[in-house]
Amino acid sequence: LLVRARAVETQTYVFAAAQIGKHNSKRSSFGDAMIVDPWGSVVARCPRNSNEPEVALAEINLDFLEKVRREMPVFNHKRTDVFGEFAA
């Protein structure tokens, strides 16, 4: 959910890596790496609970990225007087 939120609020594709496997007797990771588009849709995802390395591939659609930014121009509301000119 948080990866999808970051994609929407930054209007970017987000590539989220994730660890897998048993790290020690007390800690294991279960993956769930994914690629999310600027509208928050998961466009590729590695299998969950895999014990083998996986790779997620997705097409980056720059026309869709431009469409999202044009139809929801969040960066026009940026407060440069408060956060500075280059604040994300």
PDB file of N, CA and C in Angstrom:
ATOM      1  N   LEU A   1       0.832  -1.194   0.000  1.00  0.00           N
ATOM      2  CA  LEU A   1       0.000   0.000   0.000  1.00  0.00           C
ATOM      3  C   LEU A   1       0.879   1.261   0.000  1.00  0.00           C
ATOM      4  N   LEU A   2       1.947   1.246   0.801  1.00  0.00           N
ATOM      5  CA  LEU A   2       2.802   2.433   0.870  1.00  0.00           C
ATOM      6  C   LEU A   2       3.562   2.676  -0.428  1.00  0.00           C
ATOM      7  N   VAL A   3       3.974   1.621  -1.095  1.00  0.00           N
ATOM      8  CA  VAL A   3       4.656   1.772  -2.386  1.00  0.00           C
ATOM      9  C   VAL A   3       3.703   2.390  -3.395  1.00  0.00           C
ATOM     10  N   ARG A   4       2.475   1.931  -3.398  1.00  0.00           N
ATOM     11  CA  ARG A   4       1.485   2.487  -4.320  1.00  0.00           C
ATOM     12  C   ARG A   4       1.214   3.961  -4.006  1.00  0.00           C
ATOM     13  N   ALA A   5       1.158   4.313  -2.733  1.00  0.00           N
ATOM     14  CA  ALA A   5       0.941   5.705  -2.342  1.00  0.00           C
ATOM     15  C   ALA A   5       2.102   6.588  -2.803  1.00  0.00           C
ATOM     16  N   ARG A   6       3.335   6.102  -2.651  1.00  0.00           N
ATOM     17  CA  ARG A   6       4.499   6.890  -3.098  1.00  0.00           C
ATOM     18  C   ARG A   6       4.444   7.136  -4.595  1.00  0.00           C
ATOM     19  N   ALA A   7       4.028   6.155  -5.369  1.00  0.00           N
ATOM     20  CA  ALA A   7       3.929   6.321  -6.814  1.00  0.00           C
ATOM     21  C   ALA A   7       2.918   7.399  -7.177  1.00  0.00           C
ATOM     22  N   VAL A   8       1.778   7.394  -6.505  1.00  0.00           N
ATOM     23  CA  VAL A   8       0.735   8.381  -6.791  1.00  0.00           C
ATOM     24  C   VAL A   8       1.181   9.779  -6.380  1.00  0.00           C
ATOM     25  N   GLU A   9       1.710   9.915  -5.180  1.00  0.00           N
ATOM     26  CA  GLU A   9       2.051  11.256  -4.704  1.00  0.00           C
ATOM     27  C   GLU A   9       3.252  11.856  -5.415  1.00  0.00           C
ATOM     28  N   THR A  10       4.137  11.031  -5.957  1.00  0.00           N
ATOM     29  CA  THR A  10       5.297  11.556  -6.697  1.00  0.00           C
ATOM     30  C   THR A  10       5.089  11.499  -8.201  1.00  0.00           C
ATOM     31  N   GLN A  11       3.986  10.909  -8.638  1.00  0.00           N
ATOM     32  CA  GLN A  11       3.651  10.739 -10.047  1.00  0.00           C
ATOM     33  C   GLN A  11       4.831  10.170 -10.826  1.00  0.00           C
ATOM     34  N   THR A  12       5.330   9.050 -10.318  1.00  0.00           N
ATOM     35  CA  THR A  12       6.452   8.360 -10.948  1.00  0.00           C
ATOM     36  C   THR A  12       6.190   6.859 -10.931  1.00  0.00           C
ATOM     37  N   TYR A  13       6.969   6.146 -11.722  1.00  0.00           N
ATOM     38  CA  TYR A  13       7.026   4.701 -11.577  1.00  0.00           C
ATOM     39  C   TYR A  13       7.913   4.416 -10.377  1.00  0.00           C
ATOM     40  N   VAL A  14       7.502   3.507  -9.526  1.00  0.00           N
ATOM     41  CA  VAL A  14       8.289   3.144  -8.344  1.00  0.00           C
ATOM     42  C   VAL A  14       8.681   1.680  -8.463  1.00  0.00           C
ATOM     43  N   PHE A  15       9.976   1.431  -8.285  1.00  0.00           N
ATOM     44  CA  PHE A  15      10.527   0.081  -8.310  1.00  0.00           C
ATOM     45  C   PHE A  15      10.874  -0.281  -6.866  1.00  0.00           C
ATOM     46  N   ALA A  16      10.173  -1.237  -6.307  1.00  0.00           N
ATOM     47  CA  ALA A  16      10.357  -1.597  -4.907  1.00  0.00           C
ATOM     48  C   ALA A  16      11.030  -2.961  -4.808  1.00  0.00           C
ATOM     49  N   ALA A  17      12.269  -2.967  -4.377  1.00  0.00           N
ATOM     50  CA  ALA A  17      12.996  -4.216  -4.172  1.00  0.00           C
ATOM     51  C   ALA A  17      12.600  -4.821  -2.833  1.00  0.00           C
ATOM     52  N   ALA A  18      12.803  -6.128  -2.696  1.00  0.00           N
ATOM     53  CA  ALA A  18      12.459  -6.794  -1.438  1.00  0.00           C
ATOM     54  C   ALA A  18      13.395  -7.976  -1.218  1.00  0.00           C
ATOM     55  N   GLN A  19      13.784  -8.177   0.010  1.00  0.00           N
ATOM     56  CA  GLN A  19      14.640  -9.310   0.364  1.00  0.00           C
ATOM     57  C   GLN A  19      13.810 -10.580   0.518  1.00  0.00           C
ATOM     58  N   ILE A  20      14.487 -11.719   0.322  1.00  0.00           N
ATOM     59  CA  ILE A  20      13.850 -13.018   0.551  1.00  0.00           C
ATOM     60  C   ILE A  20      14.787 -13.889   1.365  1.00  0.00           C
ATOM     61  N   GLY A  21      14.238 -14.889   2.006  1.00  0.00           N
ATOM     62  CA  GLY A  21      15.050 -15.896   2.666  1.00  0.00           C
ATOM     63  C   GLY A  21      15.171 -15.721   4.165  1.00  0.00           C
ATOM     64  N   LYS A  22      15.840 -16.679   4.763  1.00  0.00           N
ATOM     65  CA  LYS A  22      16.056 -16.701   6.212  1.00  0.00           C
ATOM     66  C   LYS A  22      17.395 -16.026   6.492  1.00  0.00           C
ATOM     67  N   HIS A  23      17.368 -14.950   7.278  1.00  0.00           N
ATOM     68  CA  HIS A  23      18.581 -14.182   7.567  1.00  0.00           C
ATOM     69  C   HIS A  23      19.322 -14.737   8.777  1.00  0.00           C
ATOM     70  N   ASN A  24      18.571 -15.171   9.767  1.00  0.00           N
ATOM     71  CA  ASN A  24      19.130 -15.815  10.956  1.00  0.00           C
ATOM     72  C   ASN A  24      17.987 -16.567  11.637  1.00  0.00           C
ATOM     73  N   SER A  25      18.211 -17.065  12.822  1.00  0.00           N
ATOM     74  CA  SER A  25      17.176 -17.878  13.480  1.00  0.00           C
ATOM     75  C   SER A  25      15.927 -17.090  13.864  1.00  0.00           C
ATOM     76  N   LYS A  26      16.036 -15.767  13.896  1.00  0.00           N
ATOM     77  CA  LYS A  26      14.894 -14.943  14.314  1.00  0.00           C
ATOM     78  C   LYS A  26      14.275 -14.115  13.186  1.00  0.00           C
ATOM     79  N   ARG A  27      14.908 -14.078  12.021  1.00  0.00           N
ATOM     80  CA  ARG A  27      14.432 -13.153  10.989  1.00  0.00           C
ATOM     81  C   ARG A  27      14.397 -13.793   9.612  1.00  0.00           C
ATOM     82  N   SER A  28      13.234 -13.669   8.973  1.00  0.00           N
ATOM     83  CA  SER A  28      13.047 -14.109   7.591  1.00  0.00           C
ATOM     84  C   SER A  28      12.362 -12.999   6.816  1.00  0.00           C
ATOM     85  N   SER A  29      12.617 -12.936   5.517  1.00  0.00           N
ATOM     86  CA  SER A  29      11.953 -11.980   4.633  1.00  0.00           C
ATOM     87  C   SER A  29      11.200 -12.757   3.558  1.00  0.00           C
ATOM     88  N   PHE A  30      10.095 -12.185   3.109  1.00  0.00           N
ATOM     89  CA  PHE A  30       9.204 -12.916   2.225  1.00  0.00           C
ATOM     90  C   PHE A  30       8.988 -12.247   0.871  1.00  0.00           C
ATOM     91  N   GLY A  31       9.836 -11.306   0.504  1.00  0.00           N
ATOM     92  CA  GLY A  31       9.755 -10.736  -0.827  1.00  0.00           C
ATOM     93  C   GLY A  31       8.631  -9.746  -1.015  1.00  0.00           C
ATOM     94  N   ASP A  32       7.979  -9.821  -2.155  1.00  0.00           N
ATOM     95  CA  ASP A  32       6.902  -8.940  -2.599  1.00  0.00           C
ATOM     96  C   ASP A  32       7.451  -7.708  -3.315  1.00  0.00           C
ATOM     97  N   ALA A  33       8.554  -7.891  -4.043  1.00  0.00           N
ATOM     98  CA  ALA A  33       9.083  -6.822  -4.878  1.00  0.00           C
ATOM     99  C   ALA A  33       8.074  -6.513  -5.981  1.00  0.00           C
ATOM    100  N   MET A  34       8.005  -5.241  -6.382  1.00  0.00           N
ATOM    101  CA  MET A  34       7.019  -4.858  -7.389  1.00  0.00           C
ATOM    102  C   MET A  34       7.417  -3.590  -8.125  1.00  0.00           C
ATOM    103  N   ILE A  35       6.728  -3.351  -9.224  1.00  0.00           N
ATOM    104  CA  ILE A  35       6.836  -2.107  -9.988  1.00  0.00           C
ATOM    105  C   ILE A  35       5.432  -1.521 -10.043  1.00  0.00           C
ATOM    106  N   VAL A  36       5.319  -0.242  -9.690  1.00  0.00           N
ATOM    107  CA  VAL A  36       4.019   0.423  -9.607  1.00  0.00           C
ATOM    108  C   VAL A  36       4.018   1.635 -10.531  1.00  0.00           C
ATOM    109  N   ASP A  37       2.929   1.831 -11.265  1.00  0.00           N
ATOM    110  CA  ASP A  37       2.848   2.973 -12.179  1.00  0.00           C
ATOM    111  C   ASP A  37       2.414   4.240 -11.439  1.00  0.00           C
ATOM    112  N   PRO A  38       2.449   5.400 -12.118  1.00  0.00           N
ATOM    113  CA  PRO A  38       2.146   6.667 -11.435  1.00  0.00           C
ATOM    114  C   PRO A  38       0.704   6.809 -10.948  1.00  0.00           C
ATOM    115  N   TRP A  39      -0.166   5.913 -11.328  1.00  0.00           N
ATOM    116  CA  TRP A  39      -1.536   5.953 -10.847  1.00  0.00           C
ATOM    117  C   TRP A  39      -1.744   4.981  -9.686  1.00  0.00           C
ATOM    118  N   GLY A  40      -0.682   4.262  -9.302  1.00  0.00           N
ATOM    119  CA  GLY A  40      -0.745   3.358  -8.168  1.00  0.00           C
ATOM    120  C   GLY A  40      -1.087   1.918  -8.504  1.00  0.00           C
ATOM    121  N   SER A  41      -1.133   1.594  -9.779  1.00  0.00           N
ATOM    122  CA  SER A  41      -1.416   0.216 -10.188  1.00  0.00           C
ATOM    123  C   SER A  41      -0.130  -0.597 -10.216  1.00  0.00           C
ATOM    124  N   VAL A  42      -0.183  -1.803  -9.669  1.00  0.00           N
ATOM    125  CA  VAL A  42       0.965  -2.702  -9.716  1.00  0.00           C
ATOM    126  C   VAL A  42       1.037  -3.269 -11.130  1.00  0.00           C
ATOM    127  N   VAL A  43       2.127  -2.980 -11.840  1.00  0.00           N
ATOM    128  CA  VAL A  43       2.266  -3.440 -13.225  1.00  0.00           C
ATOM    129  C   VAL A  43       3.154  -4.670 -13.338  1.00  0.00           C
ATOM    130  N   ALA A  44       3.908  -4.982 -12.296  1.00  0.00           N
ATOM    131  CA  ALA A  44       4.707  -6.217 -12.259  1.00  0.00           C
ATOM    132  C   ALA A  44       5.004  -6.535 -10.803  1.00  0.00           C
ATOM    133  N   ARG A  45       5.087  -7.831 -10.518  1.00  0.00           N
ATOM    134  CA  ARG A  45       5.333  -8.241  -9.131  1.00  0.00           C
ATOM    135  C   ARG A  45       6.058  -9.586  -9.143  1.00  0.00           C
ATOM    136  N   CYS A  46       7.028  -9.718  -8.265  1.00  0.00           N
ATOM    137  CA  CYS A  46       7.699 -11.000  -8.081  1.00  0.00           C
ATOM    138  C   CYS A  46       6.809 -11.896  -7.228  1.00  0.00           C
ATOM    139  N   PRO A  47       6.936 -13.211  -7.407  1.00  0.00           N
ATOM    140  CA  PRO A  47       6.128 -14.116  -6.583  1.00  0.00           C
ATOM    141  C   PRO A  47       6.395 -13.907  -5.094  1.00  0.00           C
ATOM    142  N   ARG A  48       5.362 -13.919  -4.311  1.00  0.00           N
ATOM    143  CA  ARG A  48       5.496 -13.802  -2.856  1.00  0.00           C
ATOM    144  C   ARG A  48       5.981 -15.123  -2.277  1.00  0.00           C
ATOM    145  N   ASN A  49       6.675 -15.029  -1.185  1.00  0.00           N
ATOM    146  CA  ASN A  49       7.149 -16.203  -0.444  1.00  0.00           C
ATOM    147  C   ASN A  49       8.059 -17.110  -1.263  1.00  0.00           C
ATOM    148  N   SER A  50       8.722 -16.555  -2.250  1.00  0.00           N
ATOM    149  CA  SER A  50       9.673 -17.336  -3.032  1.00  0.00           C
ATOM    150  C   SER A  50      10.988 -17.456  -2.267  1.00  0.00           C
ATOM    151  N   ASN A  51      11.659 -18.556  -2.425  1.00  0.00           N
ATOM    152  CA  ASN A  51      12.981 -18.735  -1.832  1.00  0.00           C
ATOM    153  C   ASN A  51      14.082 -18.570  -2.870  1.00  0.00           C
ATOM    154  N   GLU A  52      13.690 -18.247  -4.088  1.00  0.00           N
ATOM    155  CA  GLU A  52      14.644 -18.060  -5.182  1.00  0.00           C
ATOM    156  C   GLU A  52      14.597 -16.610  -5.658  1.00  0.00           C
ATOM    157  N   PRO A  53      15.737 -16.075  -6.065  1.00  0.00           N
ATOM    158  CA  PRO A  53      15.731 -14.713  -6.621  1.00  0.00           C
ATOM    159  C   PRO A  53      14.818 -14.638  -7.853  1.00  0.00           C
ATOM    160  N   GLU A  54      14.107 -13.550  -7.975  1.00  0.00           N
ATOM    161  CA  GLU A  54      13.187 -13.326  -9.099  1.00  0.00           C
ATOM    162  C   GLU A  54      13.422 -11.926  -9.651  1.00  0.00           C
ATOM    163  N   VAL A  55      12.963 -11.697 -10.869  1.00  0.00           N
ATOM    164  CA  VAL A  55      13.072 -10.391 -11.509  1.00  0.00           C
ATOM    165  C   VAL A  55      11.698 -10.001 -12.031  1.00  0.00           C
ATOM    166  N   ALA A  56      11.288  -8.795 -11.748  1.00  0.00           N
ATOM    167  CA  ALA A  56      10.033  -8.260 -12.281  1.00  0.00           C
ATOM    168  C   ALA A  56      10.374  -7.328 -13.435  1.00  0.00           C
ATOM    169  N   LEU A  57       9.643  -7.447 -14.529  1.00  0.00           N
ATOM    170  CA  LEU A  57       9.837  -6.600 -15.700  1.00  0.00           C
ATOM    171  C   LEU A  57       8.528  -5.919 -16.047  1.00  0.00           C
ATOM    172  N   ALA A  58       8.618  -4.660 -16.443  1.00  0.00           N
ATOM    173  CA  ALA A  58       7.418  -3.931 -16.850  1.00  0.00           C
ATOM    174  C   ALA A  58       7.788  -2.891 -17.895  1.00  0.00           C
ATOM    175  N   GLU A  59       6.864  -2.621 -18.780  1.00  0.00           N
ATOM    176  CA  GLU A  59       7.052  -1.562 -19.763  1.00  0.00           C
ATOM    177  C   GLU A  59       6.768  -0.222 -19.089  1.00  0.00           C
ATOM    178  N   ILE A  60       7.653   0.723 -19.273  1.00  0.00           N
ATOM    179  CA  ILE A  60       7.463   2.071 -18.738  1.00  0.00           C
ATOM    180  C   ILE A  60       6.833   2.910 -19.847  1.00  0.00           C
ATOM    181  N   ASN A  61       5.595   3.285 -19.648  1.00  0.00           N
ATOM    182  CA  ASN A  61       4.832   4.007 -20.654  1.00  0.00           C
ATOM    183  C   ASN A  61       4.929   5.508 -20.373  1.00  0.00           C
ATOM    184  N   LEU A  62       5.795   6.184 -21.103  1.00  0.00           N
ATOM    185  CA  LEU A  62       5.998   7.619 -20.878  1.00  0.00           C
ATOM    186  C   LEU A  62       4.784   8.445 -21.289  1.00  0.00           C
ATOM    187  N   ASP A  63       3.993   7.959 -22.260  1.00  0.00           N
ATOM    188  CA  ASP A  63       2.766   8.665 -22.630  1.00  0.00           C
ATOM    189  C   ASP A  63       1.762   8.632 -21.474  1.00  0.00           C
ATOM    190  N   PHE A  64       1.653   7.488 -20.799  1.00  0.00           N
ATOM    191  CA  PHE A  64       0.770   7.385 -19.641  1.00  0.00           C
ATOM    192  C   PHE A  64       1.261   8.282 -18.508  1.00  0.00           C
ATOM    193  N   LEU A  65       2.566   8.304 -18.283  1.00  0.00           N
ATOM    194  CA  LEU A  65       3.143   9.166 -17.251  1.00  0.00           C
ATOM    195  C   LEU A  65       2.778  10.632 -17.524  1.00  0.00           C
ATOM    196  N   GLU A  66       2.942  11.063 -18.743  1.00  0.00           N
ATOM    197  CA  GLU A  66       2.597  12.445 -19.114  1.00  0.00           C
ATOM    198  C   GLU A  66       1.108  12.717 -18.939  1.00  0.00           C
ATOM    199  N   LYS A  67       0.267  11.740 -19.299  1.00  0.00           N
ATOM    200  CA  LYS A  67      -1.189  11.881 -19.150  1.00  0.00           C
ATOM    201  C   LYS A  67      -1.564  12.064 -17.673  1.00  0.00           C
ATOM    202  N   VAL A  68      -1.001  11.244 -16.800  1.00  0.00           N
ATOM    203  CA  VAL A  68      -1.289  11.364 -15.367  1.00  0.00           C
ATOM    204  C   VAL A  68      -0.872  12.733 -14.860  1.00  0.00           C
ATOM    205  N   ARG A  69       0.315  13.174 -15.240  1.00  0.00           N
ATOM    206  CA  ARG A  69       0.809  14.476 -14.769  1.00  0.00           C
ATOM    207  C   ARG A  69      -0.004  15.633 -15.331  1.00  0.00           C
ATOM    208  N   ARG A  70      -0.512  15.482 -16.535  1.00  0.00           N
ATOM    209  CA  ARG A  70      -1.332  16.538 -17.141  1.00  0.00           C
ATOM    210  C   ARG A  70      -2.714  16.601 -16.499  1.00  0.00           C
ATOM    211  N   GLU A  71      -3.316  15.435 -16.217  1.00  0.00           N
ATOM    212  CA  GLU A  71      -4.678  15.395 -15.688  1.00  0.00           C
ATOM    213  C   GLU A  71      -4.763  15.632 -14.185  1.00  0.00           C
ATOM    214  N   MET A  72      -3.658  15.426 -13.480  1.00  0.00           N
ATOM    215  CA  MET A  72      -3.631  15.670 -12.035  1.00  0.00           C
ATOM    216  C   MET A  72      -2.321  16.410 -11.714  1.00  0.00           C
ATOM    217  N   PRO A  73      -2.256  17.698 -12.014  1.00  0.00           N
ATOM    218  CA  PRO A  73      -1.000  18.458 -11.908  1.00  0.00           C
ATOM    219  C   PRO A  73      -0.619  18.821 -10.466  1.00  0.00           C
ATOM    220  N   VAL A  74      -0.268  17.821  -9.676  1.00  0.00           N
ATOM    221  CA  VAL A  74       0.030  18.062  -8.263  1.00  0.00           C
ATOM    222  C   VAL A  74       1.225  18.978  -8.057  1.00  0.00           C
ATOM    223  N   PHE A  75       2.165  18.970  -8.978  1.00  0.00           N
ATOM    224  CA  PHE A  75       3.358  19.797  -8.798  1.00  0.00           C
ATOM    225  C   PHE A  75       3.063  21.285  -8.991  1.00  0.00           C
ATOM    226  N   ASN A  76       1.915  21.618  -9.567  1.00  0.00           N
ATOM    227  CA  ASN A  76       1.506  23.020  -9.668  1.00  0.00           C
ATOM    228  C   ASN A  76       1.145  23.595  -8.305  1.00  0.00           C
ATOM    229  N   HIS A  77       0.887  22.732  -7.328  1.00  0.00           N
ATOM    230  CA  HIS A  77       0.489  23.168  -5.995  1.00  0.00           C
ATOM    231  C   HIS A  77       1.661  23.207  -5.025  1.00  0.00           C
ATOM    232  N   LYS A  78       2.855  22.989  -5.529  1.00  0.00           N
ATOM    233  CA  LYS A  78       4.042  22.964  -4.668  1.00  0.00           C
ATOM    234  C   LYS A  78       4.280  24.346  -4.066  1.00  0.00           C
ATOM    235  N   ARG A  79       4.537  24.394  -2.765  1.00  0.00           N
ATOM    236  CA  ARG A  79       4.755  25.648  -2.043  1.00  0.00           C
ATOM    237  C   ARG A  79       6.250  25.967  -1.977  1.00  0.00           C
ATOM    238  N   THR A  80       6.770  26.591  -3.025  1.00  0.00           N
ATOM    239  CA  THR A  80       8.198  26.927  -3.029  1.00  0.00           C
ATOM    240  C   THR A  80       8.520  27.998  -1.988  1.00  0.00           C
ATOM    241  N   ASP A  81       7.515  28.789  -1.585  1.00  0.00           N
ATOM    242  CA  ASP A  81       7.749  29.803  -0.553  1.00  0.00           C
ATOM    243  C   ASP A  81       7.978  29.175   0.819  1.00  0.00           C
ATOM    244  N   VAL A  82       7.492  27.961   1.011  1.00  0.00           N
ATOM    245  CA  VAL A  82       7.638  27.268   2.295  1.00  0.00           C
ATOM    246  C   VAL A  82       8.752  26.233   2.253  1.00  0.00           C
ATOM    247  N   PHE A  83       8.768  25.423   1.166  1.00  0.00           N
ATOM    248  CA  PHE A  83       9.684  24.288   1.105  1.00  0.00           C
ATOM    249  C   PHE A  83      10.888  24.517   0.214  1.00  0.00           C
ATOM    250  N   GLY A  84      10.982  25.626  -0.461  1.00  0.00           N
ATOM    251  CA  GLY A  84      12.104  25.899  -1.341  1.00  0.00           C
ATOM    252  C   GLY A  84      11.792  25.516  -2.774  1.00  0.00           C
ATOM    253  N   GLU A  85      12.584  26.026  -3.671  1.00  0.00           N
ATOM    254  CA  GLU A  85      12.351  25.828  -5.097  1.00  0.00           C
ATOM    255  C   GLU A  85      12.550  24.382  -5.524  1.00  0.00           C
ATOM    256  N   PHE A  86      13.510  23.672  -4.927  1.00  0.00           N
ATOM    257  CA  PHE A  86      13.851  22.345  -5.398  1.00  0.00           C
ATOM    258  C   PHE A  86      13.291  21.214  -4.539  1.00  0.00           C
ATOM    259  N   ALA A  87      12.423  21.511  -3.600  1.00  0.00           N
ATOM    260  CA  ALA A  87      11.829  20.473  -2.752  1.00  0.00           C
ATOM    261  C   ALA A  87      10.953  19.558  -3.599  1.00  0.00           C
ATOM    262  N   ALA A  88      11.031  18.277  -3.320  1.00  0.00           N
ATOM    263  CA  ALA A  88      10.227  17.304  -4.092  1.00  0.00           C
ATOM    264  C   ALA A  88       8.791  17.306  -3.629  1.00  0.00           C
TER     265      ALA A  88
END
